[in-house]
Protein backbone atom coordinates (compact mmCIF):
# COMPACT_ATOMS: atom_id res chain seq x y z
CA MET A 1 8.43 18.90 45.98
CA SER A 2 8.60 15.19 46.68
CA ALA A 3 10.53 13.06 44.22
CA THR A 4 8.66 9.90 45.26
CA PRO A 5 7.34 8.20 42.15
CA LEU A 6 3.78 7.03 41.82
CA PRO A 7 3.02 3.34 42.02
CA ALA A 8 3.70 1.68 38.70
CA PRO A 9 0.75 2.42 36.39
CA THR A 10 -1.30 -0.33 34.84
CA ALA A 11 0.42 -1.62 31.69
CA PRO A 12 -0.54 0.97 29.07
CA THR A 13 -2.39 -0.02 25.93
CA LEU A 14 -1.05 1.18 22.60
CA PHE A 15 -2.81 0.64 19.32
CA THR A 16 -2.54 1.77 15.72
CA PRO A 17 -5.87 3.30 14.66
CA HIS A 18 -5.39 3.09 10.88
CA ASP A 19 -8.34 0.71 10.31
CA ARG A 20 -10.47 1.61 13.33
CA PRO A 21 -13.17 4.32 13.49
CA VAL A 22 -11.65 5.94 16.56
CA PRO A 23 -12.83 9.33 17.83
CA LEU A 24 -10.76 12.34 16.82
CA LEU A 25 -10.89 14.82 19.67
CA THR A 26 -10.29 18.55 19.50
CA VAL A 27 -8.31 20.36 22.18
CA GLU A 28 -11.53 21.49 23.82
CA GLU A 29 -12.92 17.95 23.86
CA LEU A 30 -9.63 16.57 25.19
CA ARG A 31 -9.62 19.09 28.05
CA VAL A 32 -13.12 17.99 29.06
CA CYS A 33 -12.12 14.32 29.07
CA GLU A 34 -8.89 15.01 30.93
CA THR A 35 -10.57 17.09 33.61
CA ALA A 36 -13.25 14.47 34.21
CA ALA A 37 -10.65 11.69 34.45
CA GLN A 38 -8.35 13.56 36.83
CA ALA A 39 -11.17 14.09 39.33
CA GLY A 40 -10.96 10.51 40.56
CA LEU A 41 -7.22 9.90 40.31
CA PRO A 42 -4.16 10.69 42.45
CA GLU A 43 -2.15 13.65 41.21
CA HIS A 44 0.31 13.09 38.36
CA THR A 45 -1.39 9.81 37.35
CA LEU A 46 -2.19 10.78 33.77
CA MET A 47 1.33 12.08 33.10
CA ALA A 48 2.78 8.90 34.60
CA ARG A 49 0.57 6.77 32.37
CA ALA A 50 1.41 8.79 29.26
CA GLY A 51 5.12 8.53 29.93
CA ALA A 52 4.88 4.80 30.62
CA ALA A 53 3.01 4.25 27.33
CA ALA A 54 5.59 6.12 25.26
CA ALA A 55 8.44 4.35 27.09
CA ARG A 56 6.82 1.04 26.25
CA PHE A 57 6.64 2.07 22.60
CA LEU A 58 10.34 2.92 22.53
CA ASN A 59 11.34 -0.21 24.41
CA GLU A 60 9.45 -2.34 21.89
CA GLN A 61 11.02 -0.48 18.96
CA ILE A 62 14.50 -0.96 20.37
CA ALA A 63 13.95 -4.61 21.33
CA HIS A 64 12.03 -5.90 18.32
CA ALA A 65 13.58 -3.95 15.48
CA PRO A 66 17.34 -4.14 16.00
CA SER A 67 19.16 -1.45 14.05
CA PRO A 68 22.05 0.92 14.52
CA ALA A 69 19.62 3.10 16.46
CA GLY A 70 18.89 0.34 18.94
CA GLY A 71 22.28 0.35 20.69
CA LYS A 72 22.63 4.11 21.04
CA PRO A 73 21.28 6.49 23.70
CA VAL A 74 17.80 7.95 23.31
CA TRP A 75 17.85 11.73 23.18
CA PHE A 76 14.96 13.89 24.40
CA ALA A 77 14.03 17.51 23.69
CA ALA A 78 11.93 18.68 26.66
CA GLY A 79 9.93 21.89 26.47
CA PRO A 80 8.85 24.11 29.37
CA GLY A 81 5.28 22.76 29.68
CA ASN A 82 3.57 19.46 30.33
CA ASN A 83 4.86 18.01 27.07
CA GLY A 84 8.31 18.45 28.56
CA GLY A 85 7.02 16.65 31.66
CA ASP A 86 5.92 13.74 29.47
CA ALA A 87 9.41 13.59 27.98
CA LEU A 88 10.97 13.53 31.44
CA VAL A 89 8.75 10.63 32.53
CA VAL A 90 9.62 8.65 29.38
CA ALA A 91 13.32 9.28 29.91
CA THR A 92 13.08 8.20 33.55
CA GLU A 93 11.23 4.99 32.66
CA LEU A 94 13.84 4.09 30.04
CA HIS A 95 16.73 5.01 32.34
CA ARG A 96 15.36 2.70 35.02
CA ALA A 97 15.04 -0.05 32.42
CA GLY A 98 18.73 0.24 31.59
CA VAL A 99 18.42 2.22 28.36
CA ALA A 100 20.91 5.07 28.01
CA VAL A 101 19.12 8.43 27.78
CA GLU A 102 19.92 12.13 27.68
CA VAL A 103 17.41 14.95 28.18
CA CYS A 104 17.93 18.42 26.77
CA MET A 105 15.81 20.98 28.65
CA PRO A 106 16.70 24.48 27.37
CA VAL A 107 14.07 26.10 29.64
CA GLU A 108 13.13 24.48 32.92
CA VAL A 109 9.61 23.07 33.07
CA LYS A 110 6.98 25.13 34.91
CA PRO A 111 3.60 23.33 35.49
CA ASP A 112 3.14 21.30 38.67
CA ASP A 113 2.92 17.93 36.91
CA ALA A 114 6.04 18.68 34.89
CA ARG A 115 7.91 19.86 38.02
CA TRP A 116 7.04 16.55 39.65
CA ALA A 117 8.37 14.69 36.59
CA LEU A 118 11.58 16.72 36.74
CA SER A 119 12.12 15.91 40.41
CA VAL A 120 11.58 12.19 39.74
CA ALA A 121 14.00 12.26 36.79
CA ARG A 122 16.67 13.97 38.85
CA ALA A 123 16.20 11.56 41.74
CA ALA A 124 16.57 8.63 39.35
CA GLY A 125 19.79 10.08 37.97
CA ALA A 126 18.61 10.64 34.41
CA PRO A 127 21.14 12.93 32.64
CA ILE A 128 19.68 16.40 31.96
CA THR A 129 21.44 19.20 30.09
CA ALA A 130 20.42 22.67 28.96
CA ALA A 131 22.23 22.83 25.62
CA PRO A 132 21.57 20.58 22.63
CA PRO A 133 24.46 18.63 21.15
CA ALA A 134 26.26 19.83 18.05
CA SER A 135 25.42 16.55 16.31
CA PHE A 136 22.87 13.78 16.73
CA ASP A 137 25.22 11.14 15.35
CA ALA A 138 25.82 9.60 18.77
CA TYR A 139 22.11 8.99 19.40
CA GLY A 140 19.59 6.44 18.21
CA TRP A 141 15.98 7.51 18.72
CA LEU A 142 15.29 11.24 19.11
CA VAL A 143 12.17 12.24 21.04
CA ASP A 144 10.24 15.48 20.56
CA GLY A 145 8.69 16.50 23.87
CA MET A 146 8.84 20.26 23.36
CA PHE A 147 5.22 21.39 22.95
CA GLY A 148 1.88 19.62 22.85
CA ILE A 149 -1.73 20.54 22.10
CA GLY A 150 -1.67 23.82 24.00
CA LEU A 151 0.76 25.66 21.71
CA ALA A 152 -0.67 29.05 20.73
CA ARG A 153 2.20 30.65 18.78
CA GLY A 154 4.86 29.56 16.34
CA LEU A 155 8.09 27.98 17.50
CA ASP A 156 11.06 30.33 17.78
CA GLY A 157 14.55 30.51 19.22
CA VAL A 158 16.15 27.28 20.36
CA PHE A 159 12.92 25.34 19.93
CA ALA A 160 12.56 26.39 16.29
CA ASP A 161 16.16 25.32 15.71
CA LEU A 162 15.54 21.96 17.36
CA ALA A 163 12.38 21.42 15.30
CA ALA A 164 14.35 21.96 12.10
CA ARG A 165 17.12 19.63 13.25
CA LEU A 166 14.71 16.89 14.32
CA SER A 167 12.92 17.12 10.97
CA ALA A 168 16.20 16.84 9.08
CA ARG A 169 17.12 13.78 11.15
CA ALA A 170 13.73 12.18 10.41
CA ARG A 171 14.31 12.59 6.68
CA SER A 172 17.87 11.28 6.74
CA HIS A 173 17.95 8.59 9.43
CA GLY A 174 14.38 8.17 10.73
CA HIS A 175 13.71 7.24 14.36
CA VAL A 176 12.12 10.52 15.51
CA LEU A 177 9.23 10.14 17.94
CA ALA A 178 6.80 12.96 18.78
CA LEU A 179 4.97 12.84 22.12
CA ASP A 180 1.25 13.58 21.78
CA VAL A 181 1.65 15.82 18.68
CA PRO A 182 4.67 17.00 16.72
CA SER A 183 5.78 20.31 18.22
CA GLY A 184 4.50 23.24 16.20
CA LEU A 185 1.50 21.37 14.73
CA ASP A 186 -2.08 22.47 15.47
CA SER A 187 -3.76 19.27 16.61
CA ASP A 188 -7.23 20.52 15.61
CA THR A 189 -6.48 21.60 12.04
CA GLY A 190 -3.27 19.91 10.93
CA ASN A 191 -1.69 23.28 10.15
CA VAL A 192 1.66 24.55 11.36
CA VAL A 193 1.15 27.04 14.18
CA GLY A 194 2.10 30.61 13.31
CA SER A 195 5.08 31.29 11.09
CA GLY A 196 7.51 28.95 12.83
CA PRO A 197 8.51 25.43 11.82
CA ALA A 198 6.99 22.17 13.08
CA VAL A 199 8.65 18.86 13.76
CA ARG A 200 8.33 16.23 11.02
CA ALA A 201 8.45 13.01 13.02
CA THR A 202 8.55 9.44 11.78
CA HIS A 203 6.30 8.27 14.63
CA THR A 204 3.85 9.87 17.06
CA VAL A 205 2.47 8.40 20.27
CA THR A 206 -0.59 10.48 21.00
CA PHE A 207 -2.30 10.46 24.40
CA ILE A 208 -5.94 10.00 25.44
CA ALA A 209 -7.26 9.97 21.85
CA ALA A 210 -6.28 10.60 18.27
CA LYS A 211 -6.56 14.20 17.05
CA PRO A 212 -8.02 15.56 13.80
CA GLY A 213 -4.84 17.45 12.97
CA LEU A 214 -2.77 14.26 12.87
CA TYR A 215 -4.78 13.08 9.85
CA THR A 216 -5.50 16.10 7.69
CA GLY A 217 -3.72 19.11 6.22
CA ALA A 218 0.00 18.87 6.90
CA GLY A 219 -0.62 16.54 9.83
CA ARG A 220 0.05 13.24 8.10
CA ASP A 221 3.42 14.47 6.84
CA HIS A 222 4.43 15.71 10.29
CA ALA A 223 3.05 12.92 12.47
CA GLY A 224 4.32 9.88 10.60
CA ALA A 225 2.98 6.57 11.93
CA VAL A 226 0.51 7.28 14.74
CA SER A 227 -0.11 5.12 17.79
CA VAL A 228 -2.75 5.98 20.39
CA ALA A 229 -2.24 5.59 24.14
CA PRO A 230 -5.68 6.00 25.80
CA ILE A 231 -4.04 6.10 29.28
CA GLY A 232 -7.20 4.75 30.87
CA ILE A 233 -9.62 7.37 29.53
CA ASP A 234 -12.62 6.08 27.56
CA THR A 235 -13.39 8.44 24.67
CA GLU A 236 -15.38 6.05 22.46
CA ALA A 237 -18.74 7.53 23.39
CA HIS A 238 -17.77 11.18 23.10
CA PRO A 239 -20.89 12.81 21.60
CA SER A 240 -19.38 15.40 19.26
CA ALA A 241 -16.16 13.74 18.13
CA ALA A 242 -15.24 13.28 14.51
CA ARG A 243 -14.23 9.75 13.57
CA LEU A 244 -11.41 8.22 11.61
CA ASN A 245 -12.89 6.69 8.47
CA ALA A 246 -12.77 2.89 8.53
CA PRO A 247 -14.74 -0.09 7.16
CA ALA A 248 -16.73 -0.45 10.37
CA LEU A 249 -18.58 2.74 9.37
CA PHE A 250 -19.73 1.50 5.96
CA ALA A 251 -19.11 -2.22 5.37
CA ALA A 252 -22.56 -3.28 6.57
CA TRP A 253 -24.16 -1.21 3.79
CA LEU A 254 -22.36 -2.93 0.94
CA PRO A 255 -24.79 -5.16 -0.98
CA ALA A 256 -24.60 -8.91 -0.70
CA ARG A 257 -23.43 -10.74 -3.81
CA ASP A 258 -25.82 -13.68 -3.67
CA TYR A 259 -26.06 -16.32 -6.37
CA ALA A 260 -29.58 -15.16 -7.25
CA THR A 261 -28.62 -11.54 -7.93
CA HIS A 262 -28.53 -9.98 -11.40
CA LYS A 263 -27.30 -6.74 -12.98
CA GLY A 264 -30.40 -4.88 -11.87
CA THR A 265 -29.64 -5.75 -8.27
CA PHE A 266 -26.58 -3.53 -8.30
CA GLY A 267 -28.10 -0.48 -9.88
CA THR A 268 -27.74 1.61 -13.00
CA LEU A 269 -25.47 4.67 -12.90
CA ALA A 270 -25.26 7.54 -15.34
CA VAL A 271 -21.99 9.45 -15.52
CA ILE A 272 -22.63 12.82 -17.16
CA GLY A 273 -19.97 15.28 -18.31
CA GLY A 274 -17.38 15.39 -21.05
CA ASP A 275 -17.64 18.65 -22.97
CA THR A 276 -15.79 18.80 -26.29
CA GLY A 277 -12.12 17.97 -25.72
CA MET A 278 -12.78 16.55 -22.23
CA CYS A 279 -14.38 13.19 -22.93
CA GLY A 280 -11.68 11.30 -21.03
CA ALA A 281 -12.95 12.49 -17.65
CA PRO A 282 -16.37 10.75 -17.72
CA ILE A 283 -14.77 7.66 -19.26
CA LEU A 284 -12.40 7.43 -16.28
CA ALA A 285 -15.32 7.84 -13.90
CA ALA A 286 -17.46 5.30 -15.74
CA ARG A 287 -14.71 2.67 -15.82
CA ALA A 288 -14.26 3.12 -12.08
CA ALA A 289 -18.00 2.70 -11.56
CA LEU A 290 -18.04 -0.48 -13.64
CA LEU A 291 -15.12 -2.03 -11.76
CA SER A 292 -16.53 -1.10 -8.37
CA GLY A 293 -19.69 -3.08 -8.77
CA ALA A 294 -22.42 -1.07 -10.49
CA GLY A 295 -24.74 -3.33 -12.48
CA LYS A 296 -24.93 -1.07 -15.55
CA VAL A 297 -23.10 2.16 -16.41
CA HIS A 298 -24.16 4.77 -18.94
CA VAL A 299 -22.11 7.79 -20.00
CA GLY A 300 -23.78 10.99 -21.20
CA PHE A 301 -21.47 13.35 -23.10
CA VAL A 302 -22.12 17.08 -23.27
CA GLY A 303 -19.60 17.63 -26.08
CA SER A 304 -19.63 16.81 -29.77
CA ASP A 305 -16.54 14.60 -30.04
CA ALA A 306 -17.65 11.62 -27.95
CA PRO A 307 -16.40 8.18 -28.96
CA PRO A 308 -18.99 5.65 -30.18
CA TYR A 309 -17.85 3.10 -27.58
CA ASP A 310 -15.02 2.50 -25.12
CA PRO A 311 -12.69 -0.17 -26.57
CA PRO A 312 -11.24 -1.38 -23.23
CA HIS A 313 -14.75 -1.55 -21.75
CA PRO A 314 -17.44 -1.95 -24.40
CA GLU A 315 -19.78 -2.76 -21.49
CA LEU A 316 -20.17 0.99 -21.01
CA MET A 317 -23.13 2.49 -22.83
CA LEU A 318 -22.24 5.84 -24.40
CA HIS A 319 -24.75 8.53 -25.40
CA ALA A 320 -25.16 12.19 -26.07
CA ALA A 321 -26.23 13.69 -22.73
CA ASP A 322 -29.49 15.05 -24.15
CA ARG A 323 -30.46 11.55 -25.33
CA LEU A 324 -29.81 9.80 -22.06
CA ASP A 325 -32.91 8.51 -20.25
CA THR A 326 -32.09 9.86 -16.81
CA ASP A 327 -35.45 8.67 -15.43
CA ALA A 328 -34.21 5.09 -15.81
CA MET A 329 -31.15 5.62 -13.59
CA ASP A 330 -30.66 4.61 -9.97
CA ALA A 331 -27.98 7.27 -9.42
CA ILE A 332 -26.22 10.02 -11.35
CA ALA A 333 -22.66 11.31 -11.09
CA ALA A 334 -22.33 14.62 -12.93
CA GLY A 335 -19.68 17.21 -13.59
CA CYS A 336 -16.42 15.59 -14.67
CA GLY A 337 -15.18 17.46 -17.73
CA MET A 338 -18.62 19.01 -18.12
CA GLY A 339 -17.52 22.57 -18.87
CA GLY A 340 -19.40 25.73 -18.01
CA SER A 341 -21.82 26.21 -20.90
CA VAL A 342 -25.46 27.18 -20.61
CA ALA A 343 -26.37 23.67 -21.76
CA ALA A 344 -24.26 22.20 -18.95
CA ARG A 345 -25.93 24.48 -16.43
CA ASP A 346 -29.39 23.45 -17.59
CA LEU A 347 -28.38 19.81 -17.46
CA VAL A 348 -27.29 20.14 -13.83
CA ASP A 349 -30.57 21.88 -13.04
CA SER A 350 -32.59 19.04 -14.57
CA ILE A 351 -30.53 16.39 -12.79
CA LEU A 352 -31.17 18.02 -9.42
CA GLN A 353 -34.92 17.69 -10.01
CA LEU A 354 -34.70 13.90 -10.34
CA ASN A 355 -35.66 11.68 -7.42
CA VAL A 356 -32.42 9.68 -7.42
CA PRO A 357 -29.12 9.98 -5.54
CA VAL A 358 -26.85 12.55 -7.18
CA LEU A 359 -23.11 13.20 -6.97
CA LEU A 360 -21.78 16.54 -8.19
CA ASP A 361 -18.10 17.01 -8.96
CA ALA A 362 -15.72 19.35 -10.79
CA ASP A 363 -17.46 21.63 -13.32
CA ALA A 364 -20.89 20.92 -11.86
CA LEU A 365 -19.65 22.41 -8.58
CA ASN A 366 -18.26 25.45 -10.36
CA LEU A 367 -21.64 25.97 -12.00
CA VAL A 368 -23.32 25.73 -8.60
CA ALA A 369 -20.84 28.22 -7.11
CA GLY A 370 -21.82 30.80 -9.72
CA ASP A 371 -25.57 30.21 -9.63
CA GLY A 372 -27.56 30.69 -6.43
CA ALA A 373 -30.61 28.94 -7.89
CA LEU A 374 -28.65 25.71 -8.36
CA GLY A 375 -27.32 25.92 -4.83
CA ALA A 376 -30.84 26.39 -3.49
CA ARG A 377 -32.05 23.40 -5.49
CA ILE A 378 -29.33 21.20 -3.95
CA ALA A 379 -30.27 22.30 -0.45
CA ALA A 380 -33.97 21.68 -1.07
CA ARG A 381 -33.58 18.06 -2.19
CA GLY A 382 -35.06 15.43 0.09
CA THR A 383 -32.03 13.12 -0.25
CA PRO A 384 -28.67 14.80 0.30
CA CYS A 385 -26.45 15.16 -2.73
CA VAL A 386 -22.83 14.13 -2.48
CA ILE A 387 -20.50 16.98 -3.44
CA THR A 388 -16.78 16.29 -3.93
CA PRO A 389 -14.84 19.56 -4.13
CA HIS A 390 -11.10 20.02 -3.95
CA PRO A 391 -10.06 23.06 -1.85
CA LEU A 392 -10.35 25.60 -4.68
CA GLU A 393 -13.83 24.36 -5.65
CA ALA A 394 -14.79 24.40 -1.96
CA ALA A 395 -13.61 28.00 -1.69
CA ARG A 396 -15.81 28.99 -4.62
CA LEU A 397 -18.81 27.25 -3.06
CA LEU A 398 -18.21 29.10 0.23
CA ALA A 399 -17.47 32.46 -1.45
CA ALA A 400 -14.04 32.40 0.18
CA ASP A 401 -10.47 31.62 -0.84
CA THR A 402 -8.41 28.46 -0.64
CA ALA A 403 -6.46 29.71 2.38
CA PHE A 404 -9.75 30.03 4.29
CA VAL A 405 -10.68 26.43 3.47
CA GLN A 406 -7.28 25.01 4.34
CA ARG A 407 -7.05 27.02 7.57
CA ASP A 408 -9.62 24.66 9.11
CA ARG A 409 -10.58 21.86 6.76
CA VAL A 410 -13.00 20.25 9.21
CA ALA A 411 -14.87 23.52 9.72
CA ALA A 412 -14.96 24.12 5.96
CA ALA A 413 -16.42 20.68 5.30
CA ARG A 414 -19.03 21.23 8.00
CA ALA A 415 -19.93 24.58 6.43
CA LEU A 416 -20.36 22.99 3.01
CA ALA A 417 -22.56 20.24 4.41
CA ALA A 418 -24.71 22.76 6.25
CA ARG A 419 -25.00 25.28 3.41
CA PHE A 420 -26.07 22.73 0.80
CA SER A 421 -27.70 20.10 3.06
CA ALA A 422 -25.31 17.72 1.34
CA VAL A 423 -22.66 15.15 2.11
CA ALA A 424 -19.47 17.13 1.53
CA VAL A 425 -16.28 15.33 0.53
CA LEU A 426 -13.49 17.90 0.92
CA LYS A 427 -10.62 16.30 -0.95
CA GLY A 428 -6.95 16.62 -0.05
CA SER A 429 -4.52 15.07 2.37
CA GLY A 430 -6.87 13.64 4.97
CA THR A 431 -10.11 14.00 2.99
CA ILE A 432 -12.98 15.20 5.18
CA ILE A 433 -16.43 13.64 4.81
CA ALA A 434 -19.18 15.70 6.47
CA ALA A 435 -22.90 14.95 6.60
CA PRO A 436 -25.63 17.58 7.06
CA ASP A 437 -26.72 15.84 10.28
CA GLY A 438 -23.35 16.62 11.86
CA ARG A 439 -21.52 13.33 11.36
CA ILE A 440 -17.96 13.80 10.21
CA ALA A 441 -15.02 11.56 9.36
CA ILE A 442 -11.43 12.07 8.30
CA ASN A 443 -9.96 9.57 5.88
CA PRO A 444 -6.57 8.00 6.73
CA THR A 445 -5.86 6.30 3.39
CA GLY A 446 -4.18 7.67 0.27
CA ASN A 447 -0.86 9.25 -0.60
CA ALA A 448 0.94 11.46 -3.09
CA ALA A 449 0.20 9.01 -5.92
CA LEU A 450 -3.25 10.61 -6.08
CA ALA A 451 -1.74 14.00 -6.97
CA THR A 452 -2.27 13.54 -10.69
CA GLY A 453 -4.97 14.38 -13.20
CA GLY A 454 -8.05 12.18 -13.32
CA THR A 455 -7.94 10.66 -9.85
CA GLY A 456 -10.85 12.86 -8.78
CA ASP A 457 -12.90 11.56 -11.72
CA VAL A 458 -12.18 8.01 -10.56
CA LEU A 459 -13.37 8.90 -7.05
CA GLY A 460 -16.57 10.39 -8.44
CA GLY A 461 -17.31 7.26 -10.45
CA LEU A 462 -16.57 5.05 -7.46
CA ILE A 463 -18.90 6.91 -5.11
CA GLY A 464 -21.52 7.10 -7.87
CA ALA A 465 -21.39 3.31 -8.27
CA LEU A 466 -21.93 2.86 -4.54
CA LEU A 467 -24.91 5.21 -4.65
CA ALA A 468 -26.33 3.12 -7.50
CA GLN A 469 -25.85 0.05 -5.28
CA ARG A 470 -28.14 1.82 -2.80
CA LEU A 471 -25.65 2.81 -0.13
CA PRO A 472 -26.84 5.91 1.74
CA PRO A 473 -24.97 9.06 0.63
CA PHE A 474 -22.75 9.37 3.72
CA GLU A 475 -21.76 5.70 3.74
CA ALA A 476 -21.19 5.71 -0.03
CA ALA A 477 -18.82 8.65 0.37
CA LEU A 478 -17.00 6.98 3.28
CA ALA A 479 -16.53 3.75 1.35
CA GLY A 480 -15.49 5.42 -1.88
CA VAL A 481 -12.92 7.69 -0.30
CA TRP A 482 -11.43 4.91 1.82
CA LEU A 483 -11.13 2.45 -1.08
CA HIS A 484 -9.78 5.13 -3.43
CA GLY A 485 -6.98 5.96 -1.00
CA LEU A 486 -6.27 2.34 -0.16
CA ALA A 487 -5.91 1.52 -3.86
CA ALA A 488 -3.21 4.17 -4.18
CA GLU A 489 -1.39 2.73 -1.17
CA ALA A 490 -1.60 -0.82 -2.55
CA LEU A 491 -0.28 0.25 -5.96
CA CYS A 492 2.61 2.09 -4.32
CA ALA A 493 3.42 -1.01 -2.26
CA GLU A 494 3.79 -2.87 -5.57
CA GLY A 495 6.13 -0.22 -6.96
CA GLY A 496 3.53 1.60 -9.08
CA GLY A 497 3.85 4.93 -7.27
CA PRO A 498 3.88 7.45 -5.83
CA ALA A 499 5.57 8.96 -8.90
CA GLY A 500 3.88 8.33 -12.21
CA LEU A 501 0.73 6.50 -11.09
CA ALA A 502 -1.99 7.02 -13.71
CA ALA A 503 -5.57 7.57 -12.62
CA GLY A 504 -6.78 4.69 -14.76
CA GLU A 505 -4.73 2.25 -12.69
CA LEU A 506 -6.82 2.85 -9.58
CA ALA A 507 -10.09 1.18 -10.58
CA PRO A 508 -8.68 -2.34 -11.14
CA MET A 509 -7.03 -2.18 -7.73
CA VAL A 510 -10.27 -0.95 -6.14
CA ARG A 511 -12.00 -4.02 -7.59
CA ARG A 512 -9.33 -6.32 -6.14
CA LEU A 513 -9.56 -4.68 -2.71
CA MET A 514 -13.37 -4.77 -2.61
CA ASN A 515 -13.45 -8.45 -3.43
CA ARG A 516 -10.60 -9.37 -1.10
CA LEU A 517 -11.88 -7.39 1.88
CA PHE A 518 -15.66 -7.52 1.53
CA TYR A 519 -16.52 -10.39 -0.83
CA PRO A 520 -14.25 -13.32 0.05
CA SER A 521 -14.74 -16.58 -1.82
CA ARG A 522 -17.35 -18.98 -0.47
CA ASP A 523 -15.28 -22.00 -1.46
């Protein structure tokens, strides 16, 4: 096989998709795009472009962020497939640029593209060995090019050992780059493949398009900071792709804050829940609604120990749930701390008969899961409800278990949206937002600071406030989830998390972010 390299590819574009609504392509969708693109290109072009993009990333990291890693050789783990070919191209590009490299290839690559990459690397004189070193201390950046999107079984043998060692290095020293996807990670679901390990990288350069599995499930922990290298393939118009949640999907729906507006302009929300001993949950939700722009916020308590008013926010209007005039509301958020009594069930039933936007959370969802008539009423509504289950609540709604939901979070969210004709917000790392018309988004914001009691109540109040401000259900869910996660990130950046962040701290930060990002001063 000829070792003649291709002409230098066009300078590759790399971008960070964190705040862009980029398509998230499944393996099947990626194969379609790749096949169509290859039809008009010389052989090996896409691999050459991918390798050049990742080499550019590493060159920029080494040049612009001097560190102990910058002056040491870059070490590559190359697998037997095309991901190994990508690694060989990157190593060759760096070697030609004068960067010291070493490639470890325990099993020689097999596909034609990868064999071409191997021949080019050998011709260029890039060092290639079969055995990994005893220690990584002599190296700067470590590059995972073992397995990509085609992996069908768990890592084992030398590759499992390398995955564990790369992950340990990422935790202790950083500077671990995964090519396309971290080896061992399912790029569709964000789960670890089989029973083997998966690489936990600090950075991932992913090719053609971003993948759902990099942003949900375990994907965010394994992928680290993601950059996308489109390598000349346009995926923006892909018809069935999920999207990464970003302001471009919802900002246009946020209401203007004109001088002539008044409290009625921004809607009246009722937060309903709070059985005896659980009154804090609707208070958290209502405070979040107030601070995220609702014009007026009422709280309806199911229980008997409700406070007469909320001292920090006396603006909230508190009532017994059976005395609340629900017909006067522009939206209702129900379920937080509601309990499972007959009275609570009847209250949910009556709410679902109202002609206003409705969000159901927590205990309201558990009531729906145990009552087919309530589920049918949700599905029959003209305007989709917003439902916000965590994985266990989602499992109950789907008559399944949590493992089923987490096995494919995107599919589970789609199933919820279809079953209840609702906008489903499947919470967790990489929250999924699915609409009954097939639209779907994965949220990139948020962190472990949200893993504490009450943060779900805050999210419910936030989305409820946006519904009251007349955002459509899907866009209200997108905006609420994105802002909720971004608030946690901003608080952590100030030292307020991830450990010990209280749910009540989120709403003031949401207010600051909304005003800074979407309502800048006119002065």
